[in-house]
Structure formats: C-alpha cells, structure tokens
Amino acid sequence: MTPSNGLCREELELFESLRSRGVFSGDMYDYVSKAEVAIHKLVRAILERALGAGENGWWREGIPVSVREKCASRRELDEHPSEHPYTYTTLIELSTIMSTKWELFQGRVPSPYPTNRKQLETDLRRLNGIRNAVMHPVKERKWTEDDFEFVRRISRQFKSAQAS
C-alpha cells in the first residue's frame, strides 16, 4: 500500500531510519575525525618543514613547553600509548601552536585564515565544541545542517592545504 505522499512503507521506514540520532551522530563523528586528522597532519607538516623533522626541531622549537608537558602527561596516563606525544594534542592546543608560530602558518593555512587568524581561532573553538558533543553523546546535542556544513568545510579546507 502506498501512502498519499507517493512513498511505500519500506521507503518511509528507510527515510525514518536515516533521520535517527545515531545516523546523524555517526556522520558527524566521521566528519569531525577527518577534520581533526587533517589539521593535525597540516600543523605537523608545516612545523617539520620549517624547523626540521627531529625532536630538537619541530617538536621542541614549534610546540610550546606547556603543550608538550600536557601531551606527555596524557601519553603517560594512556594504557595503550601512542608512539609520539604529539598525537595527544587537542584542537585548542593546535590553535595555540598556530598562534604561537603564526609566521610559519600564515601563508600555509587555508583561506580565509591567512588574513584572519582570529577567525581560525574561532572556528577551531567551534570545531572543538562540536567534537566534544560528539564524544559525549549524553548531552544529546541536536545537529543543524550548518554544523554539518561547517565541519565538512573545515575538513576539505585543511585536506586541500595539506596537498599544496
């Protein structure tokens, strides 16, 4: 039997299942993950290129001591630690790194950020807020199309910047 909107029961059930919170949260997790990885990779690549690949280069010269200490502490507390403490940097800390070494990042971050560092900081704070809501689903945040588009845009921009 076909309802008055022209869709059969199976089509309506599929539509309803795709509108579920779990589907939206899973999609948002995927977008946030891709954006976070792209930003991490770009920051490290820029620092390595400018300051050298060794620990005494990009890690000690490019990462503020306070961030290095927090990363080392997180790594120490991790039961299955990652090889390098850099993997423990947060989005907010990546923003701090870029701001601290802005002369290295200004020409390499995607548009519109080279001329608007404050917008980069604002967008990374927003991305961090979305990331935290995804990772803490008990908050039951309602995602908007603007949230999805924002995270997809950030991901695309930083992936593109990696390639150039």
N, C-alpha and C. Protein backbone atom coordinates (compact mmCIF):
# COMPACT_ATOMS: atom_id res chain seq x y z
N MET A 1 0.84 -1.18 0.00
CA MET A 1 0.00 0.00 0.00
C MET A 1 0.88 1.24 0.00
N THR A 2 0.55 2.21 -0.84
CA THR A 2 1.33 3.43 -0.96
C THR A 2 0.61 4.58 -0.27
N PRO A 3 1.27 5.22 0.74
CA PRO A 3 0.66 6.37 1.40
C PRO A 3 0.43 7.50 0.40
N SER A 4 -0.31 8.51 0.81
CA SER A 4 -0.69 9.61 -0.08
C SER A 4 0.50 10.43 -0.58
N ASN A 5 1.69 10.35 0.07
CA ASN A 5 2.84 11.12 -0.39
C ASN A 5 3.61 10.41 -1.51
N GLY A 6 3.14 9.25 -1.93
CA GLY A 6 3.76 8.55 -3.05
C GLY A 6 4.85 7.58 -2.65
N LEU A 7 5.16 7.47 -1.37
CA LEU A 7 6.21 6.56 -0.91
C LEU A 7 5.57 5.30 -0.35
N CYS A 8 6.22 4.17 -0.57
CA CYS A 8 5.74 2.93 0.01
C CYS A 8 6.24 2.84 1.45
N ARG A 9 5.72 1.90 2.20
CA ARG A 9 6.07 1.73 3.61
C ARG A 9 7.58 1.55 3.79
N GLU A 10 8.20 0.72 2.94
CA GLU A 10 9.64 0.47 3.04
C GLU A 10 10.43 1.76 2.84
N GLU A 11 10.02 2.58 1.90
CA GLU A 11 10.71 3.86 1.65
C GLU A 11 10.57 4.79 2.85
N LEU A 12 9.39 4.82 3.44
CA LEU A 12 9.19 5.64 4.63
C LEU A 12 10.02 5.14 5.80
N GLU A 13 10.08 3.83 5.97
CA GLU A 13 10.90 3.27 7.05
C GLU A 13 12.37 3.58 6.84
N LEU A 14 12.83 3.48 5.60
CA LEU A 14 14.23 3.82 5.31
C LEU A 14 14.48 5.30 5.61
N PHE A 15 13.58 6.15 5.16
CA PHE A 15 13.72 7.59 5.42
C PHE A 15 13.77 7.87 6.92
N GLU A 16 12.89 7.26 7.68
CA GLU A 16 12.87 7.47 9.13
C GLU A 16 14.14 6.95 9.78
N SER A 17 14.64 5.80 9.33
CA SER A 17 15.87 5.26 9.92
C SER A 17 17.06 6.17 9.66
N LEU A 18 17.09 6.80 8.50
CA LEU A 18 18.21 7.70 8.17
C LEU A 18 18.13 9.02 8.93
N ARG A 19 16.98 9.33 9.47
CA ARG A 19 16.82 10.56 10.25
C ARG A 19 17.12 10.34 11.74
N SER A 20 17.48 9.14 12.11
CA SER A 20 17.70 8.84 13.52
C SER A 20 18.93 9.55 14.07
N ARG A 21 18.93 9.78 15.36
CA ARG A 21 20.04 10.45 16.03
C ARG A 21 21.36 9.71 15.84
N GLY A 22 21.30 8.38 15.87
CA GLY A 22 22.51 7.59 15.70
C GLY A 22 23.17 7.79 14.36
N VAL A 23 22.37 7.90 13.32
CA VAL A 23 22.93 8.13 11.98
C VAL A 23 23.58 9.50 11.93
N PHE A 24 22.90 10.52 12.43
CA PHE A 24 23.47 11.87 12.41
C PHE A 24 24.74 11.94 13.25
N SER A 25 24.74 11.31 14.41
CA SER A 25 25.92 11.33 15.27
C SER A 25 27.08 10.60 14.61
N GLY A 26 26.79 9.48 13.97
CA GLY A 26 27.84 8.73 13.27
C GLY A 26 28.43 9.53 12.13
N ASP A 27 27.58 10.20 11.37
CA ASP A 27 28.07 11.04 10.28
C ASP A 27 28.92 12.18 10.82
N MET A 28 28.44 12.81 11.89
CA MET A 28 29.19 13.93 12.46
C MET A 28 30.53 13.45 13.00
N TYR A 29 30.56 12.28 13.64
CA TYR A 29 31.81 11.71 14.13
C TYR A 29 32.80 11.54 12.98
N ASP A 30 32.33 11.01 11.88
CA ASP A 30 33.19 10.80 10.72
C ASP A 30 33.75 12.13 10.20
N TYR A 31 32.91 13.14 10.08
CA TYR A 31 33.36 14.45 9.59
C TYR A 31 34.36 15.09 10.55
N VAL A 32 34.06 15.03 11.84
CA VAL A 32 34.95 15.63 12.84
C VAL A 32 36.29 14.91 12.84
N SER A 33 36.26 13.59 12.77
CA SER A 33 37.50 12.81 12.76
C SER A 33 38.39 13.20 11.58
N LYS A 34 37.79 13.30 10.41
CA LYS A 34 38.55 13.67 9.22
C LYS A 34 39.14 15.08 9.35
N ALA A 35 38.36 16.00 9.89
CA ALA A 35 38.85 17.37 10.08
C ALA A 35 40.00 17.40 11.08
N GLU A 36 39.83 16.70 12.19
CA GLU A 36 40.86 16.71 13.23
C GLU A 36 42.17 16.11 12.72
N VAL A 37 42.08 15.01 12.01
CA VAL A 37 43.29 14.37 11.46
C VAL A 37 43.96 15.31 10.45
N ALA A 38 43.17 15.94 9.59
CA ALA A 38 43.74 16.84 8.59
C ALA A 38 44.46 18.02 9.24
N ILE A 39 43.88 18.57 10.29
CA ILE A 39 44.50 19.71 10.98
C ILE A 39 45.80 19.26 11.66
N HIS A 40 45.75 18.13 12.35
CA HIS A 40 46.96 17.60 12.99
C HIS A 40 48.08 17.39 11.98
N LYS A 41 47.75 16.77 10.85
CA LYS A 41 48.77 16.49 9.84
C LYS A 41 49.35 17.78 9.26
N LEU A 42 48.49 18.75 9.00
CA LEU A 42 48.97 20.00 8.43
C LEU A 42 49.88 20.74 9.40
N VAL A 43 49.49 20.83 10.65
CA VAL A 43 50.30 21.53 11.65
C VAL A 43 51.68 20.87 11.75
N ARG A 44 51.70 19.58 11.86
CA ARG A 44 52.99 18.88 11.99
C ARG A 44 53.84 19.07 10.73
N ALA A 45 53.24 18.93 9.56
CA ALA A 45 53.99 19.08 8.31
C ALA A 45 54.61 20.46 8.18
N ILE A 46 53.86 21.48 8.55
CA ILE A 46 54.38 22.86 8.47
C ILE A 46 55.54 23.04 9.44
N LEU A 47 55.39 22.54 10.65
CA LEU A 47 56.46 22.66 11.64
C LEU A 47 57.70 21.88 11.21
N GLU A 48 57.51 20.66 10.72
CA GLU A 48 58.66 19.86 10.29
C GLU A 48 59.39 20.53 9.13
N ARG A 49 58.64 21.05 8.19
CA ARG A 49 59.26 21.70 7.03
C ARG A 49 60.07 22.93 7.46
N ALA A 50 59.54 23.66 8.40
CA ALA A 50 60.20 24.92 8.80
C ALA A 50 61.30 24.71 9.84
N LEU A 51 61.13 23.73 10.73
CA LEU A 51 62.03 23.63 11.88
C LEU A 51 62.84 22.33 11.93
N GLY A 52 62.56 21.42 11.02
CA GLY A 52 63.29 20.17 10.98
C GLY A 52 62.46 19.03 11.54
N ALA A 53 62.76 17.82 11.05
CA ALA A 53 61.94 16.65 11.39
C ALA A 53 62.28 16.04 12.74
N GLY A 54 63.45 16.28 13.27
CA GLY A 54 63.84 15.65 14.52
C GLY A 54 63.17 16.26 15.74
N GLU A 55 63.30 15.56 16.85
CA GLU A 55 62.70 16.04 18.11
C GLU A 55 63.20 17.43 18.48
N ASN A 56 64.47 17.70 18.24
CA ASN A 56 65.02 19.02 18.57
C ASN A 56 64.59 20.09 17.58
N GLY A 57 63.90 19.71 16.52
CA GLY A 57 63.39 20.66 15.55
C GLY A 57 61.95 21.02 15.84
N TRP A 58 61.05 20.44 15.06
CA TRP A 58 59.64 20.81 15.13
C TRP A 58 59.03 20.62 16.51
N TRP A 59 59.38 19.53 17.21
CA TRP A 59 58.74 19.24 18.49
C TRP A 59 59.17 20.24 19.56
N ARG A 60 60.45 20.48 19.71
CA ARG A 60 60.92 21.38 20.77
C ARG A 60 60.84 22.85 20.37
N GLU A 61 61.06 23.13 19.11
CA GLU A 61 61.05 24.53 18.66
C GLU A 61 59.65 25.03 18.27
N GLY A 62 58.77 24.10 17.89
CA GLY A 62 57.46 24.51 17.39
C GLY A 62 56.32 24.35 18.37
N ILE A 63 56.49 23.48 19.34
CA ILE A 63 55.41 23.20 20.30
C ILE A 63 55.75 23.85 21.63
N PRO A 64 54.90 24.73 22.13
CA PRO A 64 55.17 25.36 23.43
C PRO A 64 55.35 24.31 24.54
N VAL A 65 56.20 24.62 25.48
CA VAL A 65 56.50 23.71 26.59
C VAL A 65 55.23 23.26 27.29
N SER A 66 54.31 24.16 27.54
CA SER A 66 53.09 23.79 28.26
C SER A 66 52.29 22.73 27.51
N VAL A 67 52.26 22.83 26.19
CA VAL A 67 51.54 21.84 25.37
C VAL A 67 52.30 20.52 25.38
N ARG A 68 53.63 20.57 25.25
CA ARG A 68 54.43 19.34 25.29
C ARG A 68 54.23 18.61 26.61
N GLU A 69 54.20 19.36 27.71
CA GLU A 69 54.01 18.74 29.02
C GLU A 69 52.64 18.07 29.13
N LYS A 70 51.60 18.73 28.65
CA LYS A 70 50.26 18.14 28.70
C LYS A 70 50.19 16.88 27.85
N CYS A 71 50.80 16.93 26.67
CA CYS A 71 50.81 15.75 25.79
C CYS A 71 51.55 14.59 26.43
N ALA A 72 52.70 14.88 27.03
CA ALA A 72 53.48 13.84 27.70
C ALA A 72 52.70 13.24 28.86
N SER A 73 51.99 14.07 29.60
CA SER A 73 51.19 13.60 30.72
C SER A 73 50.05 12.70 30.23
N ARG A 74 49.36 13.12 29.19
CA ARG A 74 48.27 12.30 28.64
C ARG A 74 48.80 10.97 28.13
N ARG A 75 49.94 11.01 27.48
CA ARG A 75 50.56 9.79 26.96
C ARG A 75 50.91 8.85 28.11
N GLU A 76 51.45 9.42 29.17
CA GLU A 76 51.85 8.61 30.34
C GLU A 76 50.65 7.93 30.97
N LEU A 77 49.50 8.57 30.96
CA LEU A 77 48.29 8.01 31.57
C LEU A 77 47.56 7.02 30.67
N ASP A 78 47.92 6.99 29.40
CA ASP A 78 47.26 6.12 28.43
C ASP A 78 47.75 4.68 28.60
N GLU A 79 46.82 3.76 28.79
CA GLU A 79 47.19 2.35 28.96
C GLU A 79 47.80 1.76 27.69
N HIS A 80 47.46 2.34 26.54
CA HIS A 80 47.99 1.89 25.25
C HIS A 80 48.53 3.12 24.53
N PRO A 81 49.68 3.62 24.99
CA PRO A 81 50.17 4.90 24.48
C PRO A 81 50.55 4.88 23.00
N SER A 82 50.33 6.00 22.39
CA SER A 82 50.74 6.23 21.02
C SER A 82 52.25 6.42 20.99
N GLU A 83 52.84 6.25 19.83
CA GLU A 83 54.28 6.35 19.71
C GLU A 83 54.80 7.75 20.04
N HIS A 84 54.09 8.78 19.60
CA HIS A 84 54.59 10.14 19.81
C HIS A 84 53.58 10.97 20.60
N PRO A 85 54.06 11.78 21.54
CA PRO A 85 53.15 12.59 22.35
C PRO A 85 52.34 13.60 21.54
N TYR A 86 52.80 13.95 20.35
CA TYR A 86 52.05 14.91 19.52
C TYR A 86 50.62 14.44 19.26
N THR A 87 50.42 13.14 19.19
CA THR A 87 49.09 12.62 18.90
C THR A 87 48.09 12.95 20.01
N TYR A 88 48.57 13.45 21.12
CA TYR A 88 47.70 13.80 22.24
C TYR A 88 47.31 15.28 22.25
N THR A 89 47.70 16.03 21.23
CA THR A 89 47.32 17.45 21.18
C THR A 89 45.83 17.57 20.90
N THR A 90 45.23 18.56 21.53
CA THR A 90 43.81 18.84 21.32
C THR A 90 43.68 19.90 20.23
N LEU A 91 42.47 20.10 19.75
CA LEU A 91 42.24 21.16 18.76
C LEU A 91 42.58 22.53 19.32
N ILE A 92 42.28 22.75 20.58
CA ILE A 92 42.59 24.04 21.20
C ILE A 92 44.11 24.23 21.28
N GLU A 93 44.83 23.15 21.59
CA GLU A 93 46.29 23.24 21.62
C GLU A 93 46.86 23.46 20.23
N LEU A 94 46.26 22.87 19.22
CA LEU A 94 46.71 23.12 17.85
C LEU A 94 46.52 24.59 17.49
N SER A 95 45.43 25.16 17.95
CA SER A 95 45.19 26.58 17.74
C SER A 95 46.28 27.41 18.43
N THR A 96 46.63 27.02 19.63
CA THR A 96 47.70 27.71 20.38
C THR A 96 49.03 27.59 19.63
N ILE A 97 49.33 26.42 19.14
CA ILE A 97 50.58 26.21 18.39
C ILE A 97 50.61 27.13 17.17
N MET A 98 49.52 27.16 16.42
CA MET A 98 49.49 28.00 15.22
C MET A 98 49.61 29.48 15.57
N SER A 99 48.95 29.90 16.63
CA SER A 99 49.03 31.31 17.04
C SER A 99 50.43 31.67 17.51
N THR A 100 51.06 30.75 18.24
CA THR A 100 52.40 31.00 18.77
C THR A 100 53.42 31.12 17.64
N LYS A 101 53.27 30.33 16.61
CA LYS A 101 54.20 30.32 15.47
C LYS A 101 53.51 30.83 14.21
N TRP A 102 52.71 31.85 14.34
CA TRP A 102 51.87 32.33 13.25
C TRP A 102 52.68 32.63 11.99
N GLU A 103 53.91 33.12 12.14
CA GLU A 103 54.72 33.43 10.96
C GLU A 103 54.95 32.19 10.09
N LEU A 104 54.94 31.01 10.66
CA LEU A 104 55.11 29.77 9.90
C LEU A 104 53.81 29.33 9.23
N PHE A 105 52.69 29.65 9.86
CA PHE A 105 51.39 29.15 9.41
C PHE A 105 50.64 30.12 8.51
N GLN A 106 50.91 31.38 8.64
CA GLN A 106 50.10 32.39 7.95
C GLN A 106 49.97 32.13 6.46
N GLY A 107 51.03 31.76 5.81
CA GLY A 107 50.95 31.51 4.38
C GLY A 107 50.55 30.11 3.99
N ARG A 108 50.34 29.23 4.97
CA ARG A 108 50.07 27.82 4.67
C ARG A 108 48.69 27.34 5.10
N VAL A 109 48.01 28.09 5.96
CA VAL A 109 46.66 27.68 6.36
C VAL A 109 45.70 28.03 5.24
N PRO A 110 44.59 27.29 5.14
CA PRO A 110 43.66 27.54 4.04
C PRO A 110 42.93 28.88 4.18
N SER A 111 42.44 29.34 3.06
CA SER A 111 41.66 30.57 3.01
C SER A 111 40.38 30.36 3.82
N PRO A 112 39.93 31.32 4.56
CA PRO A 112 40.29 32.74 4.66
C PRO A 112 41.28 33.05 5.78
N TYR A 113 41.88 32.02 6.34
CA TYR A 113 42.65 32.18 7.57
C TYR A 113 43.96 32.94 7.45
N PRO A 114 44.68 32.91 6.32
CA PRO A 114 45.96 33.63 6.29
C PRO A 114 45.83 35.11 6.67
N THR A 115 44.70 35.69 6.37
CA THR A 115 44.50 37.11 6.71
C THR A 115 43.57 37.30 7.90
N ASN A 116 43.18 36.20 8.53
CA ASN A 116 42.22 36.32 9.63
C ASN A 116 42.47 35.24 10.69
N ARG A 117 43.54 35.43 11.45
CA ARG A 117 43.91 34.47 12.49
C ARG A 117 42.80 34.33 13.53
N LYS A 118 42.13 35.41 13.86
CA LYS A 118 41.05 35.35 14.86
C LYS A 118 39.92 34.43 14.39
N GLN A 119 39.62 34.44 13.09
CA GLN A 119 38.58 33.55 12.56
C GLN A 119 39.03 32.09 12.67
N LEU A 120 40.30 31.82 12.42
CA LEU A 120 40.83 30.47 12.60
C LEU A 120 40.65 30.01 14.04
N GLU A 121 41.00 30.86 14.98
CA GLU A 121 40.85 30.51 16.40
C GLU A 121 39.39 30.28 16.75
N THR A 122 38.51 31.13 16.25
CA THR A 122 37.07 30.98 16.50
C THR A 122 36.55 29.68 15.91
N ASP A 123 36.95 29.37 14.67
CA ASP A 123 36.48 28.15 14.02
C ASP A 123 37.02 26.90 14.71
N LEU A 124 38.26 26.94 15.17
CA LEU A 124 38.79 25.77 15.88
C LEU A 124 38.10 25.57 17.23
N ARG A 125 37.72 26.67 17.89
CA ARG A 125 36.94 26.53 19.14
C ARG A 125 35.57 25.93 18.84
N ARG A 126 34.95 26.38 17.75
CA ARG A 126 33.64 25.82 17.38
C ARG A 126 33.77 24.34 17.04
N LEU A 127 34.78 23.99 16.26
CA LEU A 127 35.01 22.59 15.91
C LEU A 127 35.25 21.76 17.17
N ASN A 128 36.01 22.30 18.11
CA ASN A 128 36.26 21.60 19.36
C ASN A 128 34.96 21.38 20.14
N GLY A 129 34.09 22.36 20.15
CA GLY A 129 32.80 22.21 20.83
C GLY A 129 31.95 21.12 20.20
N ILE A 130 31.95 21.08 18.87
CA ILE A 130 31.20 20.03 18.16
C ILE A 130 31.83 18.67 18.46
N ARG A 131 33.16 18.62 18.41
CA ARG A 131 33.88 17.38 18.69
C ARG A 131 33.53 16.86 20.09
N ASN A 132 33.54 17.74 21.07
CA ASN A 132 33.24 17.33 22.43
C ASN A 132 31.81 16.82 22.56
N ALA A 133 30.89 17.45 21.86
CA ALA A 133 29.49 16.99 21.90
C ALA A 133 29.35 15.62 21.25
N VAL A 134 30.10 15.38 20.18
CA VAL A 134 30.06 14.07 19.52
C VAL A 134 30.61 13.00 20.46
N MET A 135 31.69 13.33 21.16
CA MET A 135 32.34 12.36 22.04
C MET A 135 31.61 12.16 23.37
N HIS A 136 30.69 13.05 23.67
CA HIS A 136 29.90 12.96 24.91
C HIS A 136 28.42 12.98 24.54
N PRO A 137 27.93 11.88 23.98
CA PRO A 137 26.58 11.86 23.44
C PRO A 137 25.47 12.04 24.46
N VAL A 138 25.77 11.91 25.75
CA VAL A 138 24.71 12.08 26.74
C VAL A 138 24.19 13.52 26.75
N LYS A 139 24.94 14.42 26.16
CA LYS A 139 24.47 15.80 26.06
C LYS A 139 23.33 15.95 25.06
N GLU A 140 23.19 14.95 24.19
CA GLU A 140 22.10 14.90 23.20
C GLU A 140 21.98 16.18 22.39
N ARG A 141 23.09 16.63 21.89
CA ARG A 141 23.08 17.84 21.06
C ARG A 141 22.33 17.58 19.76
N LYS A 142 21.57 18.53 19.35
CA LYS A 142 20.85 18.46 18.08
C LYS A 142 21.74 19.12 17.02
N TRP A 143 22.07 18.36 15.98
CA TRP A 143 22.94 18.87 14.93
C TRP A 143 22.11 19.63 13.91
N THR A 144 22.65 20.74 13.45
CA THR A 144 22.00 21.51 12.39
C THR A 144 22.74 21.26 11.08
N GLU A 145 22.08 21.56 10.00
CA GLU A 145 22.75 21.45 8.70
C GLU A 145 23.97 22.36 8.67
N ASP A 146 23.89 23.50 9.34
CA ASP A 146 25.03 24.42 9.42
C ASP A 146 26.22 23.77 10.13
N ASP A 147 25.96 23.00 11.19
CA ASP A 147 27.04 22.29 11.88
C ASP A 147 27.72 21.31 10.93
N PHE A 148 26.91 20.53 10.20
CA PHE A 148 27.48 19.56 9.26
C PHE A 148 28.29 20.27 8.18
N GLU A 149 27.73 21.30 7.61
CA GLU A 149 28.44 22.02 6.54
C GLU A 149 29.72 22.65 7.06
N PHE A 150 29.69 23.20 8.25
CA PHE A 150 30.88 23.80 8.85
C PHE A 150 32.00 22.77 8.99
N VAL A 151 31.68 21.60 9.55
CA VAL A 151 32.71 20.57 9.77
C VAL A 151 33.20 20.02 8.43
N ARG A 152 32.31 19.81 7.48
CA ARG A 152 32.73 19.34 6.15
C ARG A 152 33.65 20.36 5.49
N ARG A 153 33.32 21.63 5.62
CA ARG A 153 34.14 22.70 5.02
C ARG A 153 35.53 22.73 5.64
N ILE A 154 35.59 22.69 6.96
CA ILE A 154 36.89 22.71 7.66
C ILE A 154 37.74 21.52 7.20
N SER A 155 37.12 20.36 7.13
CA SER A 155 37.83 19.15 6.71
C SER A 155 38.40 19.32 5.30
N ARG A 156 37.55 19.76 4.38
CA ARG A 156 38.00 19.97 2.98
C ARG A 156 39.13 20.99 2.91
N GLN A 157 38.97 22.10 3.62
CA GLN A 157 39.97 23.16 3.57
C GLN A 157 41.34 22.67 4.05
N PHE A 158 41.36 21.97 5.16
CA PHE A 158 42.64 21.53 5.72
C PHE A 158 43.24 20.36 4.94
N LYS A 159 42.41 19.51 4.35
CA LYS A 159 42.94 18.46 3.48
C LYS A 159 43.58 19.09 2.24
N SER A 160 42.92 20.09 1.68
CA SER A 160 43.46 20.77 0.50
C SER A 160 44.77 21.46 0.81
N ALA A 161 44.86 22.07 1.98
CA ALA A 161 46.09 22.76 2.38
C ALA A 161 47.23 21.77 2.54
N GLN A 162 46.94 20.55 2.97
CA GLN A 162 47.97 19.51 3.11
C GLN A 162 48.58 19.19 1.75
N ALA A 163 47.74 19.15 0.74
CA ALA A 163 48.20 18.75 -0.59
C ALA A 163 49.07 19.81 -1.26
N SER A 164 48.92 21.06 -0.85
CA SER A 164 49.68 22.12 -1.52
C SER A 164 51.02 22.38 -0.86
